[in-house]
Amino acid sequence: RLGPLEAVLSSRGHGIVSLELAFSRGRFERIIA
């Protein structure tokens, strides 16, 4: 489960850890975009 979902995220430029450690609203929103 987790690895394949991580592959989807990483293929779009950011893994889940990037979101976990976003620290700011702006960075969070850029990752989501």
PDB file of all heavy atoms in Angstrom:
ATOM      1  N   ARG A   1       0.802  -1.221   0.000  1.00  0.00           N
ATOM      2  CA  ARG A   1       0.000   0.000   0.000  1.00  0.00           C
ATOM      3  C   ARG A   1       0.836   1.272   0.000  1.00  0.00           C
ATOM      4  O   ARG A   1       0.674   2.126  -0.848  1.00  0.00           O
ATOM      5  CB  ARG A   1      -0.953   0.014   1.202  1.00  0.00           C
ATOM      6  CG  ARG A   1      -1.929  -1.128   1.246  1.00  0.00           C
ATOM      7  CD  ARG A   1      -2.838  -1.260   0.027  1.00  0.00           C
ATOM      8  NE  ARG A   1      -3.524  -0.025  -0.262  1.00  0.00           N
ATOM      9  CZ  ARG A   1      -3.914   0.351  -1.482  1.00  0.00           C
ATOM     10  NH1 ARG A   1      -3.715  -0.418  -2.504  1.00  0.00           N
ATOM     11  NH2 ARG A   1      -4.521   1.496  -1.674  1.00  0.00           N
ATOM     12  N   LEU A   2       1.687   1.430   1.005  1.00  0.00           N
ATOM     13  CA  LEU A   2       2.387   2.703   1.183  1.00  0.00           C
ATOM     14  C   LEU A   2       3.391   2.993   0.071  1.00  0.00           C
ATOM     15  O   LEU A   2       3.469   4.121  -0.414  1.00  0.00           O
ATOM     16  CB  LEU A   2       3.068   2.740   2.553  1.00  0.00           C
ATOM     17  CG  LEU A   2       2.115   2.698   3.745  1.00  0.00           C
ATOM     18  CD1 LEU A   2       2.881   2.493   5.044  1.00  0.00           C
ATOM     19  CD2 LEU A   2       1.264   3.942   3.811  1.00  0.00           C
ATOM     20  N   GLY A   3       4.147   1.999  -0.328  1.00  0.00           N
ATOM     21  CA  GLY A   3       5.138   2.190  -1.392  1.00  0.00           C
ATOM     22  C   GLY A   3       4.510   2.621  -2.714  1.00  0.00           C
ATOM     23  O   GLY A   3       4.958   3.595  -3.323  1.00  0.00           O
ATOM     24  N   PRO A   4       3.481   1.910  -3.186  1.00  0.00           N
ATOM     25  CA  PRO A   4       2.836   2.336  -4.436  1.00  0.00           C
ATOM     26  C   PRO A   4       2.230   3.741  -4.349  1.00  0.00           C
ATOM     27  O   PRO A   4       2.303   4.512  -5.318  1.00  0.00           O
ATOM     28  CB  PRO A   4       1.749   1.279  -4.652  1.00  0.00           C
ATOM     29  CG  PRO A   4       2.280   0.056  -3.964  1.00  0.00           C
ATOM     30  CD  PRO A   4       3.004   0.589  -2.758  1.00  0.00           C
ATOM     31  N   LEU A   5       1.647   4.079  -3.212  1.00  0.00           N
ATOM     32  CA  LEU A   5       1.105   5.437  -3.055  1.00  0.00           C
ATOM     33  C   LEU A   5       2.230   6.467  -3.038  1.00  0.00           C
ATOM     34  O   LEU A   5       2.104   7.550  -3.620  1.00  0.00           O
ATOM     35  CB  LEU A   5       0.259   5.528  -1.777  1.00  0.00           C
ATOM     36  CG  LEU A   5      -1.058   4.757  -1.827  1.00  0.00           C
ATOM     37  CD1 LEU A   5      -1.661   4.621  -0.432  1.00  0.00           C
ATOM     38  CD2 LEU A   5      -2.041   5.406  -2.794  1.00  0.00           C
ATOM     39  N   GLU A   6       3.351   6.124  -2.402  1.00  0.00           N
ATOM     40  CA  GLU A   6       4.514   7.015  -2.399  1.00  0.00           C
ATOM     41  C   GLU A   6       5.043   7.220  -3.821  1.00  0.00           C
ATOM     42  O   GLU A   6       5.462   8.320  -4.190  1.00  0.00           O
ATOM     43  CB  GLU A   6       5.621   6.458  -1.493  1.00  0.00           C
ATOM     44  CG  GLU A   6       6.859   7.319  -1.405  1.00  0.00           C
ATOM     45  CD  GLU A   6       6.622   8.668  -0.751  1.00  0.00           C
ATOM     46  OE1 GLU A   6       5.642   8.840   0.000  1.00  0.00           O
ATOM     47  OE2 GLU A   6       7.447   9.576  -1.004  1.00  0.00           O
ATOM     48  N   ALA A   7       4.990   6.173  -4.632  1.00  0.00           N
ATOM     49  CA  ALA A   7       5.438   6.294  -6.031  1.00  0.00           C
ATOM     50  C   ALA A   7       4.570   7.291  -6.796  1.00  0.00           C
ATOM     51  O   ALA A   7       5.081   8.071  -7.620  1.00  0.00           O
ATOM     52  CB  ALA A   7       5.412   4.925  -6.706  1.00  0.00           C
ATOM     53  N   VAL A   8       3.271   7.286  -6.534  1.00  0.00           N
ATOM     54  CA  VAL A   8       2.369   8.256  -7.172  1.00  0.00           C
ATOM     55  C   VAL A   8       2.776   9.674  -6.779  1.00  0.00           C
ATOM     56  O   VAL A   8       2.867  10.569  -7.623  1.00  0.00           O
ATOM     57  CB  VAL A   8       0.892   7.985  -6.775  1.00  0.00           C
ATOM     58  CG1 VAL A   8      -0.019   9.118  -7.234  1.00  0.00           C
ATOM     59  CG2 VAL A   8       0.422   6.655  -7.341  1.00  0.00           C
ATOM     60  N   LEU A   9       3.042   9.878  -5.499  1.00  0.00           N
ATOM     61  CA  LEU A   9       3.416  11.212  -5.013  1.00  0.00           C
ATOM     62  C   LEU A   9       4.769  11.643  -5.570  1.00  0.00           C
ATOM     63  O   LEU A   9       4.911  12.765  -6.079  1.00  0.00           O
ATOM     64  CB  LEU A   9       3.442  11.222  -3.484  1.00  0.00           C
ATOM     65  CG  LEU A   9       2.144  10.855  -2.775  1.00  0.00           C
ATOM     66  CD1 LEU A   9       2.351  10.846  -1.271  1.00  0.00           C
ATOM     67  CD2 LEU A   9       1.028  11.796  -3.171  1.00  0.00           C
ATOM     68  N   SER A  10       5.748  10.769  -5.484  1.00  0.00           N
ATOM     69  CA  SER A  10       7.099  11.102  -5.948  1.00  0.00           C
ATOM     70  C   SER A  10       7.129  11.400  -7.439  1.00  0.00           C
ATOM     71  O   SER A  10       7.899  12.250  -7.894  1.00  0.00           O
ATOM     72  CB  SER A  10       8.062   9.968  -5.623  1.00  0.00           C
ATOM     73  OG  SER A  10       8.171   9.820  -4.228  1.00  0.00           O
ATOM     74  N   SER A  11       6.290  10.710  -8.211  1.00  0.00           N
ATOM     75  CA  SER A  11       6.260  10.954  -9.654  1.00  0.00           C
ATOM     76  C   SER A  11       5.728  12.352  -9.971  1.00  0.00           C
ATOM     77  O   SER A  11       5.892  12.845 -11.075  1.00  0.00           O
ATOM     78  CB  SER A  11       5.406   9.901 -10.365  1.00  0.00           C
ATOM     79  OG  SER A  11       4.029  10.084 -10.073  1.00  0.00           O
ATOM     80  N   ARG A  12       5.105  12.984  -8.988  1.00  0.00           N
ATOM     81  CA  ARG A  12       4.593  14.342  -9.147  1.00  0.00           C
ATOM     82  C   ARG A  12       5.477  15.369  -8.436  1.00  0.00           C
ATOM     83  O   ARG A  12       5.055  16.486  -8.172  1.00  0.00           O
ATOM     84  CB  ARG A  12       3.152  14.411  -8.644  1.00  0.00           C
ATOM     85  CG  ARG A  12       2.209  13.705  -9.591  1.00  0.00           C
ATOM     86  CD  ARG A  12       0.854  13.410  -8.971  1.00  0.00           C
ATOM     87  NE  ARG A  12      -0.083  12.929  -9.985  1.00  0.00           N
ATOM     88  CZ  ARG A  12      -0.075  11.729 -10.508  1.00  0.00           C
ATOM     89  NH1 ARG A  12       0.841  10.870 -10.141  1.00  0.00           N
ATOM     90  NH2 ARG A  12      -0.957  11.371 -11.417  1.00  0.00           N
ATOM     91  N   GLY A  13       6.692  14.961  -8.082  1.00  0.00           N
ATOM     92  CA  GLY A  13       7.688  15.906  -7.595  1.00  0.00           C
ATOM     93  C   GLY A  13       7.959  15.936  -6.105  1.00  0.00           C
ATOM     94  O   GLY A  13       8.950  16.519  -5.684  1.00  0.00           O
ATOM     95  N   HIS A  14       7.097  15.338  -5.288  1.00  0.00           N
ATOM     96  CA  HIS A  14       7.292  15.392  -3.833  1.00  0.00           C
ATOM     97  C   HIS A  14       6.775  14.112  -3.201  1.00  0.00           C
ATOM     98  O   HIS A  14       5.676  13.672  -3.512  1.00  0.00           O
ATOM     99  CB  HIS A  14       6.519  16.557  -3.203  1.00  0.00           C
ATOM    100  CG  HIS A  14       6.715  17.865  -3.872  1.00  0.00           C
ATOM    101  ND1 HIS A  14       7.786  18.688  -3.605  1.00  0.00           N
ATOM    102  CD2 HIS A  14       5.972  18.512  -4.811  1.00  0.00           C
ATOM    103  CE1 HIS A  14       7.695  19.781  -4.343  1.00  0.00           C
ATOM    104  NE2 HIS A  14       6.603  19.689  -5.088  1.00  0.00           N
ATOM    105  N   GLY A  15       7.543  13.563  -2.278  1.00  0.00           N
ATOM    106  CA  GLY A  15       7.056  12.439  -1.487  1.00  0.00           C
ATOM    107  C   GLY A  15       6.263  12.946  -0.293  1.00  0.00           C
ATOM    108  O   GLY A  15       6.184  14.157  -0.045  1.00  0.00           O
ATOM    109  N   ILE A  16       5.702  12.035   0.455  1.00  0.00           N
ATOM    110  CA  ILE A  16       4.870  12.402   1.603  1.00  0.00           C
ATOM    111  C   ILE A  16       5.681  13.129   2.668  1.00  0.00           C
ATOM    112  O   ILE A  16       5.165  14.011   3.357  1.00  0.00           O
ATOM    113  CB  ILE A  16       4.122  11.177   2.195  1.00  0.00           C
ATOM    114  CG1 ILE A  16       2.990  11.626   3.128  1.00  0.00           C
ATOM    115  CG2 ILE A  16       5.075  10.249   2.932  1.00  0.00           C
ATOM    116  CD1 ILE A  16       1.811  12.236   2.446  1.00  0.00           C
ATOM    117  N   VAL A  17       6.969  12.802   2.800  1.00  0.00           N
ATOM    118  CA  VAL A  17       7.798  13.460   3.816  1.00  0.00           C
ATOM    119  C   VAL A  17       7.910  14.954   3.521  1.00  0.00           C
ATOM    120  O   VAL A  17       7.948  15.773   4.444  1.00  0.00           O
ATOM    121  CB  VAL A  17       9.178  12.786   3.938  1.00  0.00           C
ATOM    122  CG1 VAL A  17      10.097  13.553   4.876  1.00  0.00           C
ATOM    123  CG2 VAL A  17       9.017  11.348   4.425  1.00  0.00           C
ATOM    124  N   SER A  18       7.924  15.331   2.258  1.00  0.00           N
ATOM    125  CA  SER A  18       7.950  16.758   1.915  1.00  0.00           C
ATOM    126  C   SER A  18       6.724  17.471   2.474  1.00  0.00           C
ATOM    127  O   SER A  18       6.827  18.593   2.979  1.00  0.00           O
ATOM    128  CB  SER A  18       7.989  16.948   0.397  1.00  0.00           C
ATOM    129  OG  SER A  18       9.172  16.427  -0.136  1.00  0.00           O
ATOM    130  N   LEU A  19       5.582  16.820   2.384  1.00  0.00           N
ATOM    131  CA  LEU A  19       4.361  17.418   2.921  1.00  0.00           C
ATOM    132  C   LEU A  19       4.396  17.427   4.446  1.00  0.00           C
ATOM    133  O   LEU A  19       4.025  18.416   5.079  1.00  0.00           O
ATOM    134  CB  LEU A  19       3.127  16.667   2.421  1.00  0.00           C
ATOM    135  CG  LEU A  19       1.791  17.347   2.696  1.00  0.00           C
ATOM    136  CD1 LEU A  19       1.657  18.625   1.862  1.00  0.00           C
ATOM    137  CD2 LEU A  19       0.634  16.409   2.417  1.00  0.00           C
ATOM    138  N   GLU A  20       4.853  16.319   5.029  1.00  0.00           N
ATOM    139  CA  GLU A  20       4.936  16.238   6.488  1.00  0.00           C
ATOM    140  C   GLU A  20       5.818  17.352   7.057  1.00  0.00           C
ATOM    141  O   GLU A  20       5.538  17.879   8.126  1.00  0.00           O
ATOM    142  CB  GLU A  20       5.503  14.881   6.911  1.00  0.00           C
ATOM    143  CG  GLU A  20       4.590  13.716   6.652  1.00  0.00           C
ATOM    144  CD  GLU A  20       5.249  12.370   6.909  1.00  0.00           C
ATOM    145  OE1 GLU A  20       6.478  12.307   7.106  1.00  0.00           O
ATOM    146  OE2 GLU A  20       4.522  11.371   6.906  1.00  0.00           O
ATOM    147  N   LEU A  21       6.876  17.686   6.345  1.00  0.00           N
ATOM    148  CA  LEU A  21       7.831  18.688   6.819  1.00  0.00           C
ATOM    149  C   LEU A  21       7.701  20.012   6.069  1.00  0.00           C
ATOM    150  O   LEU A  21       8.673  20.760   5.946  1.00  0.00           O
ATOM    151  CB  LEU A  21       9.259  18.139   6.705  1.00  0.00           C
ATOM    152  CG  LEU A  21       9.556  16.897   7.546  1.00  0.00           C
ATOM    153  CD1 LEU A  21      10.952  16.362   7.255  1.00  0.00           C
ATOM    154  CD2 LEU A  21       9.385  17.191   9.032  1.00  0.00           C
ATOM    155  N   ALA A  22       6.517  20.323   5.588  1.00  0.00           N
ATOM    156  CA  ALA A  22       6.293  21.571   4.848  1.00  0.00           C
ATOM    157  C   ALA A  22       6.518  22.788   5.744  1.00  0.00           C
ATOM    158  O   ALA A  22       7.059  23.803   5.301  1.00  0.00           O
ATOM    159  CB  ALA A  22       4.881  21.592   4.266  1.00  0.00           C
ATOM    160  N   PHE A  23       6.079  22.754   6.972  1.00  0.00           N
ATOM    161  CA  PHE A  23       6.204  23.799   7.988  1.00  0.00           C
ATOM    162  C   PHE A  23       5.459  25.100   7.683  1.00  0.00           C
ATOM    163  O   PHE A  23       5.164  25.848   8.592  1.00  0.00           O
ATOM    164  CB  PHE A  23       7.672  24.124   8.323  1.00  0.00           C
ATOM    165  CG  PHE A  23       8.285  23.147   9.266  1.00  0.00           C
ATOM    166  CD1 PHE A  23       9.125  22.145   8.805  1.00  0.00           C
ATOM    167  CD2 PHE A  23       8.022  23.207  10.621  1.00  0.00           C
ATOM    168  CE1 PHE A  23       9.693  21.233   9.685  1.00  0.00           C
ATOM    169  CE2 PHE A  23       8.570  22.298  11.508  1.00  0.00           C
ATOM    170  CZ  PHE A  23       9.423  21.302  11.032  1.00  0.00           C
ATOM    171  N   SER A  24       5.171  25.403   6.436  1.00  0.00           N
ATOM    172  CA  SER A  24       4.443  26.639   6.135  1.00  0.00           C
ATOM    173  C   SER A  24       3.252  26.342   5.225  1.00  0.00           C
ATOM    174  O   SER A  24       3.266  25.384   4.447  1.00  0.00           O
ATOM    175  CB  SER A  24       5.349  27.661   5.455  1.00  0.00           C
ATOM    176  OG  SER A  24       5.619  27.279   4.116  1.00  0.00           O
ATOM    177  N   ARG A  25       2.270  27.184   5.330  1.00  0.00           N
ATOM    178  CA  ARG A  25       1.074  27.049   4.509  1.00  0.00           C
ATOM    179  C   ARG A  25       1.426  27.151   3.020  1.00  0.00           C
ATOM    180  O   ARG A  25       0.935  26.376   2.200  1.00  0.00           O
ATOM    181  CB  ARG A  25       0.071  28.135   4.900  1.00  0.00           C
ATOM    182  CG  ARG A  25      -1.185  28.106   4.096  1.00  0.00           C
ATOM    183  CD  ARG A  25      -2.122  29.216   4.515  1.00  0.00           C
ATOM    184  NE  ARG A  25      -3.326  29.139   3.718  1.00  0.00           N
ATOM    185  CZ  ARG A  25      -4.431  29.744   4.018  1.00  0.00           C
ATOM    186  NH1 ARG A  25      -4.499  30.510   5.085  1.00  0.00           N
ATOM    187  NH2 ARG A  25      -5.483  29.624   3.240  1.00  0.00           N
ATOM    188  N   GLY A  26       2.296  28.103   2.680  1.00  0.00           N
ATOM    189  CA  GLY A  26       2.685  28.291   1.280  1.00  0.00           C
ATOM    190  C   GLY A  26       3.337  27.057   0.684  1.00  0.00           C
ATOM    191  O   GLY A  26       3.007  26.633  -0.419  1.00  0.00           O
ATOM    192  N   ARG A  27       4.277  26.483   1.408  1.00  0.00           N
ATOM    193  CA  ARG A  27       4.956  25.263   0.914  1.00  0.00           C
ATOM    194  C   ARG A  27       3.958  24.117   0.811  1.00  0.00           C
ATOM    195  O   ARG A  27       3.965  23.369  -0.164  1.00  0.00           O
ATOM    196  CB  ARG A  27       6.116  24.887   1.828  1.00  0.00           C
ATOM    197  CG  ARG A  27       6.805  23.600   1.411  1.00  0.00           C
ATOM    198  CD  ARG A  27       8.294  23.659   1.592  1.00  0.00           C
ATOM    199  NE  ARG A  27       8.903  22.359   1.434  1.00  0.00           N
ATOM    200  CZ  ARG A  27       9.112  21.744   0.263  1.00  0.00           C
ATOM    201  NH1 ARG A  27       8.758  22.341  -0.851  1.00  0.00           N
ATOM    202  NH2 ARG A  27       9.675  20.560   0.211  1.00  0.00           N
ATOM    203  N   PHE A  28       3.089  23.954   1.798  1.00  0.00           N
ATOM    204  CA  PHE A  28       2.056  22.928   1.776  1.00  0.00           C
ATOM    205  C   PHE A  28       1.195  23.090   0.517  1.00  0.00           C
ATOM    206  O   PHE A  28       0.958  22.118  -0.209  1.00  0.00           O
ATOM    207  CB  PHE A  28       1.195  23.040   3.048  1.00  0.00           C
ATOM    208  CG  PHE A  28       0.212  21.918   3.236  1.00  0.00           C
ATOM    209  CD1 PHE A  28       0.537  20.823   4.014  1.00  0.00           C
ATOM    210  CD2 PHE A  28      -1.042  21.960   2.652  1.00  0.00           C
ATOM    211  CE1 PHE A  28      -0.374  19.790   4.209  1.00  0.00           C
ATOM    212  CE2 PHE A  28      -1.959  20.938   2.834  1.00  0.00           C
ATOM    213  CZ  PHE A  28      -1.620  19.853   3.611  1.00  0.00           C
ATOM    214  N   GLU A  29       0.751  24.291   0.250  1.00  0.00           N
ATOM    215  CA  GLU A  29      -0.114  24.548  -0.913  1.00  0.00           C
ATOM    216  C   GLU A  29       0.618  24.301  -2.232  1.00  0.00           C
ATOM    217  O   GLU A  29       0.017  23.805  -3.192  1.00  0.00           O
ATOM    218  CB  GLU A  29      -0.671  25.966  -0.848  1.00  0.00           C
ATOM    219  CG  GLU A  29      -1.704  26.127   0.254  1.00  0.00           C
ATOM    220  CD  GLU A  29      -2.148  27.570   0.480  1.00  0.00           C
ATOM    221  OE1 GLU A  29      -1.408  28.510   0.093  1.00  0.00           O
ATOM    222  OE2 GLU A  29      -3.246  27.745   1.058  1.00  0.00           O
ATOM    223  N   ARG A  30       1.922  24.636  -2.302  1.00  0.00           N
ATOM    224  CA  ARG A  30       2.701  24.374  -3.529  1.00  0.00           C
ATOM    225  C   ARG A  30       2.813  22.869  -3.794  1.00  0.00           C
ATOM    226  O   ARG A  30       2.702  22.417  -4.934  1.00  0.00           O
ATOM    227  CB  ARG A  30       4.087  25.010  -3.441  1.00  0.00           C
ATOM    228  CG  ARG A  30       4.088  26.509  -3.697  1.00  0.00           C
ATOM    229  CD  ARG A  30       5.487  27.088  -3.845  1.00  0.00           C
ATOM    230  NE  ARG A  30       6.332  26.925  -2.674  1.00  0.00           N
ATOM    231  CZ  ARG A  30       6.287  27.700  -1.589  1.00  0.00           C
ATOM    232  NH1 ARG A  30       5.433  28.693  -1.525  1.00  0.00           N
ATOM    233  NH2 ARG A  30       7.112  27.488  -0.580  1.00  0.00           N
ATOM    234  N   ILE A  31       3.046  22.099  -2.737  1.00  0.00           N
ATOM    235  CA  ILE A  31       3.153  20.636  -2.892  1.00  0.00           C
ATOM    236  C   ILE A  31       1.825  20.074  -3.386  1.00  0.00           C
ATOM    237  O   ILE A  31       1.795  19.268  -4.326  1.00  0.00           O
ATOM    238  CB  ILE A  31       3.595  19.974  -1.567  1.00  0.00           C
ATOM    239  CG1 ILE A  31       5.039  20.377  -1.242  1.00  0.00           C
ATOM    240  CG2 ILE A  31       3.451  18.459  -1.637  1.00  0.00           C
ATOM    241  CD1 ILE A  31       5.491  20.026   0.162  1.00  0.00           C
ATOM    242  N   ILE A  32       0.729  20.494  -2.771  1.00  0.00           N
ATOM    243  CA  ILE A  32      -0.597  20.022  -3.173  1.00  0.00           C
ATOM    244  C   ILE A  32      -0.880  20.410  -4.627  1.00  0.00           C
ATOM    245  O   ILE A  32      -1.418  19.608  -5.399  1.00  0.00           O
ATOM    246  CB  ILE A  32      -1.690  20.599  -2.230  1.00  0.00           C
ATOM    247  CG1 ILE A  32      -1.500  20.085  -0.818  1.00  0.00           C
ATOM    248  CG2 ILE A  32      -3.088  20.275  -2.727  1.00  0.00           C
ATOM    249  CD1 ILE A  32      -1.588  18.591  -0.671  1.00  0.00           C
ATOM    250  N   ALA A  33      -0.502  21.621  -5.010  1.00  0.00           N
ATOM    251  CA  ALA A  33      -0.713  22.060  -6.396  1.00  0.00           C
ATOM    252  C   ALA A  33       0.098  21.200  -7.361  1.00  0.00           C
ATOM    253  O   ALA A  33      -0.400  20.809  -8.424  1.00  0.00           O
ATOM    254  CB  ALA A  33      -0.338  23.535  -6.538  1.00  0.00           C
TER     255      ALA A  33
END
